[in-house]
Amino acid sequence: MEIRIGIQHASRELSFDTDASAADISAQLTAALASSGVLTLTDVKGQSYLVPAANVAYIE
């Protein structure tokens, strides 16, 4: 599925395809927010994306 992440204070969003489900992404974001950590997601090509969880504005 295609995922788009809006990041606070950034004029562009992060967009990529991933094999993760919406429930998986939601769980990862919740865990990252609880630990004041970094949201780490991987696209279908194996590339990792690191986003400070506190700076996530939205995920579609």
N, C-alpha and C. Protein backbone atom coordinates (compact mmCIF):
# COMPACT_ATOMS: atom_id res chain seq x y z
N MET A 1 0.83 -1.17 0.00
CA MET A 1 0.00 0.00 0.00
C MET A 1 0.88 1.24 0.00
N GLU A 2 0.34 2.31 -0.54
CA GLU A 2 1.08 3.58 -0.55
C GLU A 2 0.84 4.29 0.77
N ILE A 3 1.89 4.84 1.32
CA ILE A 3 1.79 5.58 2.58
C ILE A 3 2.35 6.97 2.36
N ARG A 4 1.68 7.94 2.97
CA ARG A 4 2.16 9.33 2.93
C ARG A 4 2.22 9.83 4.36
N ILE A 5 3.36 10.42 4.71
CA ILE A 5 3.57 10.92 6.06
C ILE A 5 3.85 12.41 5.99
N GLY A 6 3.03 13.18 6.70
CA GLY A 6 3.26 14.61 6.84
C GLY A 6 4.13 14.85 8.06
N ILE A 7 5.13 15.69 7.91
CA ILE A 7 6.06 15.96 9.00
C ILE A 7 5.99 17.44 9.34
N GLN A 8 5.87 17.74 10.63
CA GLN A 8 5.79 19.13 11.08
C GLN A 8 7.01 19.91 10.62
N HIS A 9 6.77 21.15 10.19
CA HIS A 9 7.83 22.08 9.77
C HIS A 9 8.55 21.61 8.50
N ALA A 10 7.91 20.74 7.73
CA ALA A 10 8.48 20.29 6.44
C ALA A 10 7.45 20.61 5.36
N SER A 11 7.89 21.18 4.26
CA SER A 11 6.96 21.59 3.21
C SER A 11 6.51 20.42 2.33
N ARG A 12 7.21 19.31 2.38
CA ARG A 12 6.84 18.15 1.56
C ARG A 12 6.53 16.97 2.46
N GLU A 13 5.72 16.07 1.92
CA GLU A 13 5.42 14.85 2.67
C GLU A 13 6.31 13.72 2.17
N LEU A 14 6.45 12.70 2.99
CA LEU A 14 7.21 11.51 2.66
C LEU A 14 6.23 10.49 2.10
N SER A 15 6.49 9.96 0.91
CA SER A 15 5.57 9.04 0.25
C SER A 15 6.34 7.84 -0.29
N PHE A 16 5.82 6.63 0.00
CA PHE A 16 6.44 5.40 -0.50
C PHE A 16 5.46 4.24 -0.39
N ASP A 17 5.78 3.14 -1.06
CA ASP A 17 4.97 1.92 -1.00
C ASP A 17 5.56 0.98 0.05
N THR A 18 4.67 0.33 0.80
CA THR A 18 5.11 -0.59 1.84
C THR A 18 4.22 -1.82 1.86
N ASP A 19 4.75 -2.91 2.36
CA ASP A 19 3.97 -4.14 2.52
C ASP A 19 3.26 -4.18 3.87
N ALA A 20 3.57 -3.25 4.76
CA ALA A 20 2.96 -3.21 6.09
C ALA A 20 1.49 -2.82 6.00
N SER A 21 0.69 -3.37 6.90
CA SER A 21 -0.73 -3.02 6.94
C SER A 21 -0.92 -1.73 7.73
N ALA A 22 -2.10 -1.15 7.61
CA ALA A 22 -2.42 0.06 8.35
C ALA A 22 -2.33 -0.19 9.85
N ALA A 23 -2.75 -1.36 10.29
CA ALA A 23 -2.69 -1.71 11.72
C ALA A 23 -1.24 -1.79 12.20
N ASP A 24 -0.35 -2.35 11.37
CA ASP A 24 1.07 -2.44 11.72
C ASP A 24 1.69 -1.05 11.87
N ILE A 25 1.39 -0.18 10.93
CA ILE A 25 1.94 1.17 10.95
C ILE A 25 1.42 1.94 12.17
N SER A 26 0.14 1.79 12.45
CA SER A 26 -0.45 2.43 13.62
C SER A 26 0.21 1.95 14.91
N ALA A 27 0.45 0.66 15.01
CA ALA A 27 1.10 0.09 16.20
C ALA A 27 2.53 0.60 16.33
N GLN A 28 3.25 0.69 15.22
CA GLN A 28 4.62 1.19 15.25
C GLN A 28 4.67 2.65 15.69
N LEU A 29 3.72 3.46 15.18
CA LEU A 29 3.67 4.87 15.56
C LEU A 29 3.33 5.01 17.04
N THR A 30 2.38 4.24 17.52
CA THR A 30 2.00 4.29 18.93
C THR A 30 3.18 3.93 19.83
N ALA A 31 3.91 2.90 19.47
CA ALA A 31 5.08 2.48 20.25
C ALA A 31 6.17 3.55 20.22
N ALA A 32 6.39 4.15 19.05
CA ALA A 32 7.42 5.19 18.94
C ALA A 32 7.04 6.42 19.74
N LEU A 33 5.76 6.79 19.74
CA LEU A 33 5.31 7.93 20.53
C LEU A 33 5.44 7.66 22.02
N ALA A 34 5.13 6.45 22.44
CA ALA A 34 5.20 6.10 23.86
C ALA A 34 6.63 6.16 24.40
N SER A 35 7.59 5.87 23.54
CA SER A 35 8.99 5.87 23.98
C SER A 35 9.72 7.15 23.58
N SER A 36 8.97 8.13 23.05
CA SER A 36 9.57 9.38 22.56
C SER A 36 10.69 9.08 21.58
N GLY A 37 10.44 8.10 20.73
CA GLY A 37 11.48 7.62 19.83
C GLY A 37 11.27 7.98 18.38
N VAL A 38 11.79 7.13 17.54
CA VAL A 38 11.80 7.33 16.10
C VAL A 38 10.92 6.27 15.45
N LEU A 39 10.08 6.70 14.53
CA LEU A 39 9.26 5.80 13.74
C LEU A 39 10.12 5.29 12.59
N THR A 40 10.28 3.99 12.49
CA THR A 40 11.09 3.38 11.44
C THR A 40 10.19 2.53 10.56
N LEU A 41 10.13 2.87 9.27
CA LEU A 41 9.31 2.13 8.31
C LEU A 41 10.18 1.71 7.14
N THR A 42 9.81 0.62 6.49
CA THR A 42 10.57 0.08 5.37
C THR A 42 9.66 -0.03 4.15
N ASP A 43 10.18 0.38 2.99
CA ASP A 43 9.39 0.30 1.76
C ASP A 43 9.55 -1.08 1.11
N VAL A 44 8.87 -1.27 -0.02
CA VAL A 44 8.88 -2.57 -0.70
C VAL A 44 10.26 -2.91 -1.28
N LYS A 45 11.12 -1.93 -1.44
CA LYS A 45 12.47 -2.15 -1.96
C LYS A 45 13.49 -2.41 -0.86
N GLY A 46 13.04 -2.31 0.40
CA GLY A 46 13.94 -2.55 1.52
C GLY A 46 14.59 -1.30 2.09
N GLN A 47 14.26 -0.13 1.56
CA GLN A 47 14.83 1.12 2.06
C GLN A 47 14.10 1.53 3.34
N SER A 48 14.86 1.96 4.35
CA SER A 48 14.27 2.36 5.63
C SER A 48 14.09 3.87 5.69
N TYR A 49 13.03 4.29 6.37
CA TYR A 49 12.72 5.69 6.59
C TYR A 49 12.60 5.91 8.08
N LEU A 50 13.32 6.90 8.60
CA LEU A 50 13.31 7.22 10.02
C LEU A 50 12.69 8.60 10.20
N VAL A 51 11.66 8.68 11.03
CA VAL A 51 10.96 9.93 11.28
C VAL A 51 10.81 10.10 12.79
N PRO A 52 11.21 11.25 13.34
CA PRO A 52 10.96 11.47 14.77
C PRO A 52 9.45 11.40 15.03
N ALA A 53 9.03 10.49 15.87
CA ALA A 53 7.61 10.24 16.08
C ALA A 53 6.86 11.49 16.53
N ALA A 54 7.48 12.31 17.34
CA ALA A 54 6.82 13.51 17.85
C ALA A 54 6.56 14.54 16.75
N ASN A 55 7.24 14.42 15.60
CA ASN A 55 7.07 15.37 14.51
C ASN A 55 6.13 14.90 13.42
N VAL A 56 5.51 13.74 13.59
CA VAL A 56 4.56 13.24 12.60
C VAL A 56 3.27 14.05 12.71
N ALA A 57 2.88 14.70 11.60
CA ALA A 57 1.65 15.49 11.58
C ALA A 57 0.46 14.62 11.19
N TYR A 58 0.66 13.72 10.21
CA TYR A 58 -0.40 12.81 9.77
C TYR A 58 0.20 11.65 9.01
N ILE A 59 -0.57 10.57 8.93
CA ILE A 59 -0.22 9.42 8.10
C ILE A 59 -1.46 9.03 7.32
N GLU A 60 -1.33 8.92 6.01
CA GLU A 60 -2.43 8.49 5.14
C GLU A 60 -2.05 7.19 4.47
